[in-house]
Amino acid sequence: MLDINQFDVLVLPGSHNSGPEHWQTHWEAAFPNMCRVEQDNWDEPVYSEWSHRLSEAVGASKRPILMVAHSLGTALAVRWSQESAALTNAVAGAFLVAPSDIDRLTKVLRYPALGFDPVIMERLPFPSVVLASRDDDRVTFERAEAFASAWGASFIDVGMQGHIGSAAKLGLWPQGLVWLGQFIASISNEAHT
């Protein structure tokens, strides 16, 4: 069975990056094979720039890649998977937490992100799981379920955790690590069937 140490784990934060209290930051500190895909401009995201950085990180990886994405990072992973098909063979799976409804955010709330919309509603070329909260202000629970269905992803209801970011005060987020472990086990099982 595969374990997390057999992957290069690419951490994909959302806009404004993941601060010191964010579970992604805690996970990076706990696992030396987790590496954040850094962006030049976290506050005014431009898809072409963010996807270029992701492609560079994928190209530099030596082992199978596991993406751990949050918020706008999920939109990056999904759109990139459709537009960078030649690189997706290196990706073993994507752990997609709190996918933002970028369509609603850009049209209704004038969210300052360019090129991330519309949300891709196609099956992803690698295994994935979507984790969604029932009280996320950036995506309705039903819309998150629709994303998971369109992407061919498993779906996990995390309960009432808001946007599952720093404000939720999850720390290391032990339950999230359990779900990540289960996802890795499912990738391992798929590889052996």
C-alpha atoms as a PDB file:
ATOM      1  CA  MET A   1       0.000   0.000   0.000  1.00  0.00           C
ATOM      2  CA  LEU A   2       1.186   3.510  -0.824  1.00  0.00           C
ATOM      3  CA  ASP A   3       1.835   6.057   1.889  1.00  0.00           C
ATOM      4  CA  ILE A   4       2.281   9.806   1.813  1.00  0.00           C
ATOM      5  CA  ASN A   5       6.088   9.546   1.760  1.00  0.00           C
ATOM      6  CA  GLN A   6       5.977   7.985  -1.706  1.00  0.00           C
ATOM      7  CA  PHE A   7       4.625  11.198  -3.256  1.00  0.00           C
ATOM      8  CA  ASP A   8       5.813  14.688  -4.006  1.00  0.00           C
ATOM      9  CA  VAL A   9       2.929  16.587  -2.426  1.00  0.00           C
ATOM     10  CA  LEU A  10       2.207  19.942  -4.057  1.00  0.00           C
ATOM     11  CA  VAL A  11       0.292  22.293  -1.778  1.00  0.00           C
ATOM     12  CA  LEU A  12      -1.971  24.683  -3.683  1.00  0.00           C
ATOM     13  CA  PRO A  13      -3.311  27.471  -1.446  1.00  0.00           C
ATOM     14  CA  GLY A  14      -6.105  29.809  -2.425  1.00  0.00           C
ATOM     15  CA  SER A  15      -5.932  33.568  -2.861  1.00  0.00           C
ATOM     16  CA  HIS A  16      -4.029  35.477  -0.181  1.00  0.00           C
ATOM     17  CA  ASN A  17      -1.967  32.297   0.444  1.00  0.00           C
ATOM     18  CA  SER A  18      -2.314  30.081   3.518  1.00  0.00           C
ATOM     19  CA  GLY A  19      -1.107  31.791   6.669  1.00  0.00           C
ATOM     20  CA  PRO A  20       0.619  30.363   9.752  1.00  0.00           C
ATOM     21  CA  GLU A  21      -2.649  29.097  11.284  1.00  0.00           C
ATOM     22  CA  HIS A  22      -3.846  27.321   8.147  1.00  0.00           C
ATOM     23  CA  TRP A  23      -3.891  23.517   8.110  1.00  0.00           C
ATOM     24  CA  GLN A  24      -1.894  23.524   4.846  1.00  0.00           C
ATOM     25  CA  THR A  25       0.946  25.338   6.625  1.00  0.00           C
ATOM     26  CA  HIS A  26       0.809  22.873   9.534  1.00  0.00           C
ATOM     27  CA  TRP A  27       0.887  19.935   7.130  1.00  0.00           C
ATOM     28  CA  GLU A  28       3.915  21.338   5.289  1.00  0.00           C
ATOM     29  CA  ALA A  29       5.746  21.632   8.607  1.00  0.00           C
ATOM     30  CA  ALA A  30       4.870  18.023   9.480  1.00  0.00           C
ATOM     31  CA  PHE A  31       5.744  16.392   6.140  1.00  0.00           C
ATOM     32  CA  PRO A  32       9.062  17.192   4.442  1.00  0.00           C
ATOM     33  CA  ASN A  33       7.779  15.980   1.062  1.00  0.00           C
ATOM     34  CA  MET A  34       5.056  18.657   1.016  1.00  0.00           C
ATOM     35  CA  CYS A  35       5.989  21.744  -0.979  1.00  0.00           C
ATOM     36  CA  ARG A  36       3.897  24.854  -1.533  1.00  0.00           C
ATOM     37  CA  VAL A  37       3.577  26.047  -5.115  1.00  0.00           C
ATOM     38  CA  GLU A  38       4.522  29.687  -4.567  1.00  0.00           C
ATOM     39  CA  GLN A  39       2.919  32.492  -6.552  1.00  0.00           C
ATOM     40  CA  ASP A  40       4.183  36.007  -7.261  1.00  0.00           C
ATOM     41  CA  ASN A  41       0.795  37.602  -6.642  1.00  0.00           C
ATOM     42  CA  TRP A  42      -1.439  35.922  -4.073  1.00  0.00           C
ATOM     43  CA  ASP A  43      -3.871  38.853  -3.797  1.00  0.00           C
ATOM     44  CA  GLU A  44      -4.824  39.348  -7.466  1.00  0.00           C
ATOM     45  CA  PRO A  45      -4.586  35.836  -8.899  1.00  0.00           C
ATOM     46  CA  VAL A  46      -4.111  35.377 -12.644  1.00  0.00           C
ATOM     47  CA  TYR A  47      -4.692  31.839 -13.865  1.00  0.00           C
ATOM     48  CA  SER A  48      -1.996  31.901 -16.577  1.00  0.00           C
ATOM     49  CA  GLU A  49       0.644  32.877 -14.011  1.00  0.00           C
ATOM     50  CA  TRP A  50      -0.533  30.414 -11.363  1.00  0.00           C
ATOM     51  CA  SER A  51      -0.778  27.544 -13.860  1.00  0.00           C
ATOM     52  CA  HIS A  52       2.725  28.259 -15.149  1.00  0.00           C
ATOM     53  CA  ARG A  53       4.066  27.889 -11.597  1.00  0.00           C
ATOM     54  CA  LEU A  54       2.125  24.651 -11.146  1.00  0.00           C
ATOM     55  CA  SER A  55       3.506  23.258 -14.417  1.00  0.00           C
ATOM     56  CA  GLU A  56       7.041  24.135 -13.282  1.00  0.00           C
ATOM     57  CA  ALA A  57       6.496  22.333  -9.966  1.00  0.00           C
ATOM     58  CA  VAL A  58       5.060  19.265 -11.688  1.00  0.00           C
ATOM     59  CA  GLY A  59       7.982  19.218 -14.130  1.00  0.00           C
ATOM     60  CA  ALA A  60      10.495  19.388 -11.278  1.00  0.00           C
ATOM     61  CA  SER A  61       8.931  16.539  -9.289  1.00  0.00           C
ATOM     62  CA  LYS A  62      10.693  13.186  -9.182  1.00  0.00           C
ATOM     63  CA  ARG A  63       7.914  11.028  -7.728  1.00  0.00           C
ATOM     64  CA  PRO A  64       4.188  10.673  -8.354  1.00  0.00           C
ATOM     65  CA  ILE A  65       2.425  13.908  -7.437  1.00  0.00           C
ATOM     66  CA  LEU A  66      -0.370  14.373  -4.977  1.00  0.00           C
ATOM     67  CA  MET A  67      -2.038  17.789  -5.084  1.00  0.00           C
ATOM     68  CA  VAL A  68      -3.431  19.160  -1.832  1.00  0.00           C
ATOM     69  CA  ALA A  69      -5.521  22.155  -2.833  1.00  0.00           C
ATOM     70  CA  HIS A  70      -7.680  24.618  -0.921  1.00  0.00           C
ATOM     71  CA  SER A  71     -10.199  27.181  -2.167  1.00  0.00           C
ATOM     72  CA  LEU A  72      -8.973  28.864  -5.386  1.00  0.00           C
ATOM     73  CA  GLY A  73      -6.193  26.258  -5.439  1.00  0.00           C
ATOM     74  CA  THR A  74      -8.876  23.703  -6.336  1.00  0.00           C
ATOM     75  CA  ALA A  75      -9.943  25.802  -9.348  1.00  0.00           C
ATOM     76  CA  LEU A  76      -6.282  25.972 -10.357  1.00  0.00           C
ATOM     77  CA  ALA A  77      -5.855  22.187 -10.116  1.00  0.00           C
ATOM     78  CA  VAL A  78      -9.033  21.442 -12.052  1.00  0.00           C
ATOM     79  CA  ARG A  79      -8.499  23.934 -14.891  1.00  0.00           C
ATOM     80  CA  TRP A  80      -4.796  23.020 -15.134  1.00  0.00           C
ATOM     81  CA  SER A  81      -5.709  19.316 -15.435  1.00  0.00           C
ATOM     82  CA  GLN A  82      -7.758  20.076 -18.546  1.00  0.00           C
ATOM     83  CA  GLU A  83      -5.301  22.499 -20.144  1.00  0.00           C
ATOM     84  CA  SER A  84      -2.007  20.723 -19.388  1.00  0.00           C
ATOM     85  CA  ALA A  85      -2.883  17.182 -20.427  1.00  0.00           C
ATOM     86  CA  ALA A  86       0.720  16.271 -21.255  1.00  0.00           C
ATOM     87  CA  LEU A  87       1.716  16.778 -17.614  1.00  0.00           C
ATOM     88  CA  THR A  88      -1.210  15.099 -15.887  1.00  0.00           C
ATOM     89  CA  ASN A  89       0.295  11.601 -16.129  1.00  0.00           C
ATOM     90  CA  ALA A  90       2.621  12.634 -13.303  1.00  0.00           C
ATOM     91  CA  VAL A  91      -0.353  13.325 -10.995  1.00  0.00           C
ATOM     92  CA  ALA A  92      -1.511  10.391  -8.872  1.00  0.00           C
ATOM     93  CA  GLY A  93      -4.399  12.279  -7.288  1.00  0.00           C
ATOM     94  CA  ALA A  94      -5.908  15.520  -6.029  1.00  0.00           C
ATOM     95  CA  PHE A  95      -7.232  16.244  -2.520  1.00  0.00           C
ATOM     96  CA  LEU A  96      -9.560  19.202  -3.147  1.00  0.00           C
ATOM     97  CA  VAL A  97     -10.716  21.077  -0.047  1.00  0.00           C
ATOM     98  CA  ALA A  98     -13.414  23.788  -0.044  1.00  0.00           C
ATOM     99  CA  PRO A  99     -13.694  24.306  -3.799  1.00  0.00           C
ATOM    100  CA  SER A 100     -14.677  27.910  -4.439  1.00  0.00           C
ATOM    101  CA  ASP A 101     -17.588  28.574  -6.761  1.00  0.00           C
ATOM    102  CA  ILE A 102     -15.480  30.880  -8.892  1.00  0.00           C
ATOM    103  CA  ASP A 103     -18.385  31.466 -11.307  1.00  0.00           C
ATOM    104  CA  ARG A 104     -20.516  33.061  -8.575  1.00  0.00           C
ATOM    105  CA  LEU A 105     -17.575  34.811  -6.907  1.00  0.00           C
ATOM    106  CA  THR A 106     -16.401  36.579 -10.054  1.00  0.00           C
ATOM    107  CA  LYS A 107     -19.859  37.544 -11.323  1.00  0.00           C
ATOM    108  CA  VAL A 108     -21.680  38.438  -8.111  1.00  0.00           C
ATOM    109  CA  LEU A 109     -18.929  39.452  -5.710  1.00  0.00           C
ATOM    110  CA  ARG A 110     -16.418  40.837  -8.247  1.00  0.00           C
ATOM    111  CA  TYR A 111     -13.744  38.498  -6.889  1.00  0.00           C
ATOM    112  CA  PRO A 112     -10.324  39.660  -8.191  1.00  0.00           C
ATOM    113  CA  ALA A 113      -9.250  36.478  -9.992  1.00  0.00           C
ATOM    114  CA  LEU A 114      -8.628  36.378 -13.737  1.00  0.00           C
ATOM    115  CA  GLY A 115      -8.970  33.344 -15.965  1.00  0.00           C
ATOM    116  CA  PHE A 116     -10.115  30.796 -13.366  1.00  0.00           C
ATOM    117  CA  ASP A 117     -13.729  30.796 -14.529  1.00  0.00           C
ATOM    118  CA  PRO A 118     -15.878  29.178 -15.666  1.00  0.00           C
ATOM    119  CA  VAL A 119     -15.613  26.169 -13.367  1.00  0.00           C
ATOM    120  CA  ILE A 120     -14.551  23.157 -15.428  1.00  0.00           C
ATOM    121  CA  MET A 121     -17.306  20.542 -15.225  1.00  0.00           C
ATOM    122  CA  GLU A 122     -15.409  17.633 -16.811  1.00  0.00           C
ATOM    123  CA  ARG A 123     -14.046  14.409 -15.364  1.00  0.00           C
ATOM    124  CA  LEU A 124     -10.515  14.826 -14.023  1.00  0.00           C
ATOM    125  CA  PRO A 125      -7.769  12.670 -15.540  1.00  0.00           C
ATOM    126  CA  PHE A 126      -6.664  11.420 -12.120  1.00  0.00           C
ATOM    127  CA  PRO A 127      -8.366  10.233  -8.909  1.00  0.00           C
ATOM    128  CA  SER A 128      -9.713  13.000  -6.714  1.00  0.00           C
ATOM    129  CA  VAL A 129     -11.744  13.718  -3.626  1.00  0.00           C
ATOM    130  CA  VAL A 130     -13.717  16.863  -2.766  1.00  0.00           C
ATOM    131  CA  LEU A 131     -14.131  17.902   0.873  1.00  0.00           C
ATOM    132  CA  ALA A 132     -16.909  20.408   1.505  1.00  0.00           C
ATOM    133  CA  SER A 133     -18.415  22.204   4.457  1.00  0.00           C
ATOM    134  CA  ARG A 134     -22.137  22.753   4.882  1.00  0.00           C
ATOM    135  CA  ASP A 135     -21.682  26.446   5.800  1.00  0.00           C
ATOM    136  CA  ASP A 136     -18.998  27.585   3.347  1.00  0.00           C
ATOM    137  CA  ASP A 137     -19.661  31.148   2.174  1.00  0.00           C
ATOM    138  CA  ARG A 138     -17.727  30.545  -1.067  1.00  0.00           C
ATOM    139  CA  VAL A 139     -19.685  27.556  -2.334  1.00  0.00           C
ATOM    140  CA  THR A 140     -23.027  25.993  -1.500  1.00  0.00           C
ATOM    141  CA  PHE A 141     -22.889  22.411  -0.314  1.00  0.00           C
ATOM    142  CA  GLU A 142     -25.021  21.348  -3.288  1.00  0.00           C
ATOM    143  CA  ARG A 143     -22.707  23.073  -5.765  1.00  0.00           C
ATOM    144  CA  ALA A 144     -19.682  21.374  -4.186  1.00  0.00           C
ATOM    145  CA  GLU A 145     -21.474  18.037  -4.605  1.00  0.00           C
ATOM    146  CA  ALA A 146     -22.130  18.902  -8.269  1.00  0.00           C
ATOM    147  CA  PHE A 147     -18.418  19.681  -8.745  1.00  0.00           C
ATOM    148  CA  ALA A 148     -17.446  16.327  -7.250  1.00  0.00           C
ATOM    149  CA  SER A 149     -19.900  14.498  -9.489  1.00  0.00           C
ATOM    150  CA  ALA A 150     -18.696  16.279 -12.650  1.00  0.00           C
ATOM    151  CA  TRP A 151     -15.042  15.695 -11.753  1.00  0.00           C
ATOM    152  CA  GLY A 152     -15.576  11.982 -11.003  1.00  0.00           C
ATOM    153  CA  ALA A 153     -14.410  12.660  -7.449  1.00  0.00           C
ATOM    154  CA  SER A 154     -15.285  11.052  -4.153  1.00  0.00           C
ATOM    155  CA  PHE A 155     -17.103  13.429  -1.807  1.00  0.00           C
ATOM    156  CA  ILE A 156     -16.653  14.063   1.917  1.00  0.00           C
ATOM    157  CA  ASP A 157     -19.031  16.104   4.073  1.00  0.00           C
ATOM    158  CA  VAL A 158     -16.854  17.826   6.707  1.00  0.00           C
ATOM    159  CA  GLY A 159     -19.823  19.236   8.611  1.00  0.00           C
ATOM    160  CA  MET A 160     -19.948  22.885   9.675  1.00  0.00           C
ATOM    161  CA  GLN A 161     -16.393  24.169   9.137  1.00  0.00           C
ATOM    162  CA  GLY A 162     -16.954  27.381   7.173  1.00  0.00           C
ATOM    163  CA  HIS A 163     -14.414  27.712   4.345  1.00  0.00           C
ATOM    164  CA  ILE A 164     -12.157  25.100   6.018  1.00  0.00           C
ATOM    165  CA  GLY A 165      -9.325  27.626   6.295  1.00  0.00           C
ATOM    166  CA  SER A 166      -7.527  29.572   9.010  1.00  0.00           C
ATOM    167  CA  ALA A 167     -10.771  30.934  10.477  1.00  0.00           C
ATOM    168  CA  ALA A 168     -11.900  27.370  11.273  1.00  0.00           C
ATOM    169  CA  LYS A 169      -8.893  27.042  13.646  1.00  0.00           C
ATOM    170  CA  LEU A 170      -8.250  23.442  12.610  1.00  0.00           C
ATOM    171  CA  GLY A 171      -4.540  23.476  13.481  1.00  0.00           C
ATOM    172  CA  LEU A 172      -2.943  20.310  12.126  1.00  0.00           C
ATOM    173  CA  TRP A 173      -6.481  19.141  11.238  1.00  0.00           C
ATOM    174  CA  PRO A 174      -6.115  15.503  12.358  1.00  0.00           C
ATOM    175  CA  GLN A 175      -9.418  14.474  10.773  1.00  0.00           C
ATOM    176  CA  GLY A 176      -8.219  15.936   7.471  1.00  0.00           C
ATOM    177  CA  LEU A 177      -5.085  13.805   7.717  1.00  0.00           C
ATOM    178  CA  VAL A 178      -7.267  10.725   8.276  1.00  0.00           C
ATOM    179  CA  TRP A 179      -9.236  11.583   5.126  1.00  0.00           C
ATOM    180  CA  LEU A 180      -5.981  12.190   3.236  1.00  0.00           C
ATOM    181  CA  GLY A 181      -4.730   8.770   4.352  1.00  0.00           C
ATOM    182  CA  GLN A 182      -7.970   7.160   3.201  1.00  0.00           C
ATOM    183  CA  PHE A 183      -7.653   8.900  -0.148  1.00  0.00           C
ATOM    184  CA  ILE A 184      -4.075   7.650  -0.557  1.00  0.00           C
ATOM    185  CA  ALA A 185      -5.278   4.143   0.282  1.00  0.00           C
ATOM    186  CA  SER A 186      -7.972   4.445  -2.404  1.00  0.00           C
ATOM    187  CA  ILE A 187      -5.332   5.491  -4.957  1.00  0.00           C
ATOM    188  CA  SER A 188      -3.286   2.461  -3.934  1.00  0.00           C
ATOM    189  CA  ASN A 189      -6.326   0.200  -4.349  1.00  0.00           C
ATOM    190  CA  GLU A 190      -7.095   1.621  -7.804  1.00  0.00           C
ATOM    191  CA  ALA A 191      -3.492   1.009  -8.874  1.00  0.00           C
ATOM    192  CA  HIS A 192      -3.811  -2.659  -7.937  1.00  0.00           C
ATOM    193  CA  THR A 193      -7.188  -3.437  -9.545  1.00  0.00           C
END
